[in-house]
Structures are given as C-alpha cells and as structure tokens.
Protein backbone atom coordinates (compact mmCIF):
# COMPACT_ATOMS: atom_id res chain seq x y z
CA UNK A 1 -4.89 3.53 33.97
CA UNK A 2 -4.10 7.01 33.65
CA UNK A 3 -5.73 9.89 34.79
CA UNK A 4 -8.62 11.24 31.98
CA UNK A 5 -7.57 14.48 30.23
CA UNK A 6 -9.87 17.08 29.47
CA UNK A 7 -10.26 18.37 25.95
CA UNK A 8 -12.75 20.74 24.17
CA UNK A 9 -14.58 19.37 21.24
CA UNK A 10 -16.77 21.30 18.91
CA UNK A 11 -19.62 19.17 17.32
CA UNK A 12 -21.91 20.21 14.49
CA UNK A 13 -24.86 20.93 16.32
CA UNK A 14 -27.07 18.36 14.80
CA UNK A 15 -24.24 15.66 15.65
CA UNK A 16 -24.14 17.11 18.99
CA UNK A 17 -28.15 16.94 19.51
CA UNK A 18 -27.87 13.14 18.49
CA UNK A 19 -24.91 12.45 20.62
CA UNK A 20 -26.66 13.64 23.84
CA UNK A 21 -30.26 11.92 22.55
CA UNK A 22 -28.43 8.55 22.59
CA UNK A 23 -26.20 9.15 25.76
CA UNK A 24 -29.81 9.40 27.50
CA UNK A 25 -31.29 6.59 25.80
CA UNK A 26 -28.38 4.24 26.76
CA UNK A 27 -27.95 5.94 29.94
CA UNK A 28 -24.10 6.72 29.02
CA UNK A 29 -22.12 9.92 29.02
CA UNK A 30 -21.08 11.47 25.83
CA UNK A 31 -17.61 11.28 27.06
CA UNK A 32 -17.90 7.63 27.06
CA UNK A 33 -19.54 7.36 24.04
CA UNK A 34 -16.59 9.39 22.23
CA UNK A 35 -13.93 7.67 23.80
CA UNK A 36 -15.27 4.24 22.34
CA UNK A 37 -15.49 5.82 18.85
CA UNK A 38 -11.83 7.03 19.23
CA UNK A 39 -10.57 3.81 20.51
CA UNK A 40 -12.26 1.95 17.70
CA UNK A 41 -11.11 4.41 15.13
CA UNK A 42 -7.47 3.82 16.59
CA UNK A 43 -7.68 0.13 16.96
CA UNK A 44 -8.66 0.34 12.92
CA UNK A 45 -6.05 2.32 12.19
CA UNK A 46 -3.48 -0.03 14.25
CA UNK A 47 -4.92 -3.08 11.98
CA UNK A 48 -4.15 -0.92 8.80
CA UNK A 49 -0.67 -0.40 9.65
CA UNK A 50 -0.08 -4.11 10.50
CA UNK A 51 -1.59 -4.74 7.01
CA UNK A 52 0.80 -2.67 5.45
CA UNK A 53 3.56 -4.08 7.36
CA UNK A 54 2.41 -7.43 6.12
CA UNK A 55 2.40 -6.32 2.72
CA UNK A 56 5.48 -4.48 2.67
CA UNK A 57 7.72 -6.94 1.10
CA UNK A 58 5.21 -7.73 -1.70
CA UNK A 59 6.33 -7.17 -5.51
CA UNK A 60 5.01 -3.84 -6.27
CA UNK A 61 2.87 -4.27 -9.60
CA UNK A 62 2.24 -1.44 -12.12
CA UNK A 63 -1.14 -0.13 -12.78
CA UNK A 64 -0.85 0.23 -16.11
CA UNK A 65 0.66 -3.43 -16.45
CA UNK A 66 -2.55 -4.65 -14.88
CA UNK A 67 -5.09 -3.09 -17.10
CA UNK A 68 -2.83 -4.13 -19.96
CA UNK A 69 -3.21 -7.62 -18.74
CA UNK A 70 -6.88 -7.68 -18.21
CA UNK A 71 -7.37 -6.21 -21.40
CA UNK A 72 -5.72 -8.82 -22.94
CA UNK A 73 -7.58 -11.47 -21.04
CA UNK A 74 -10.82 -9.93 -22.27
CA UNK A 75 -11.57 -8.84 -18.47
CA UNK A 76 -12.22 -5.37 -19.80
C-alpha cells in the first residue's frame, strides 16, 4: 500500500460540522470517511465506464425515430 498523501479540502461549514459529528459518533476520522466516499464514487465511475464499453457496439437509435415509434404505437 502506498503512503497517504496530504490534501487540503474546503467544505461548506454545515457539511464540515456534519462530518465531524458523524466522525465522532462512529469513532472514525473525517479523513477515513472522505477516503471511503471518494472510493465509492470512483468505483461507480468504473462501473459506468465498463457499461459504456459493453454497449459500445450496440446500434445507435435516433431519438426522433423512437418518439415517432412510440406515437405510432399509441404509447404517447
């Protein structure tokens, strides 16, 4: 595991207060909670990228064509 890096992050005052309160209530550091939140966000991004890669070869459908088809079939 690599050594932790230091960063300065500016939070809205109310967000910072909530983070401090949650950190105290859960016996965790604000840094640990922020790291976990960033890891979750990056993991979700990785899942999105994988989904885009899987669908890359799908046929593209024109928006207008879809709307016309829905109208023709009485869906809208």
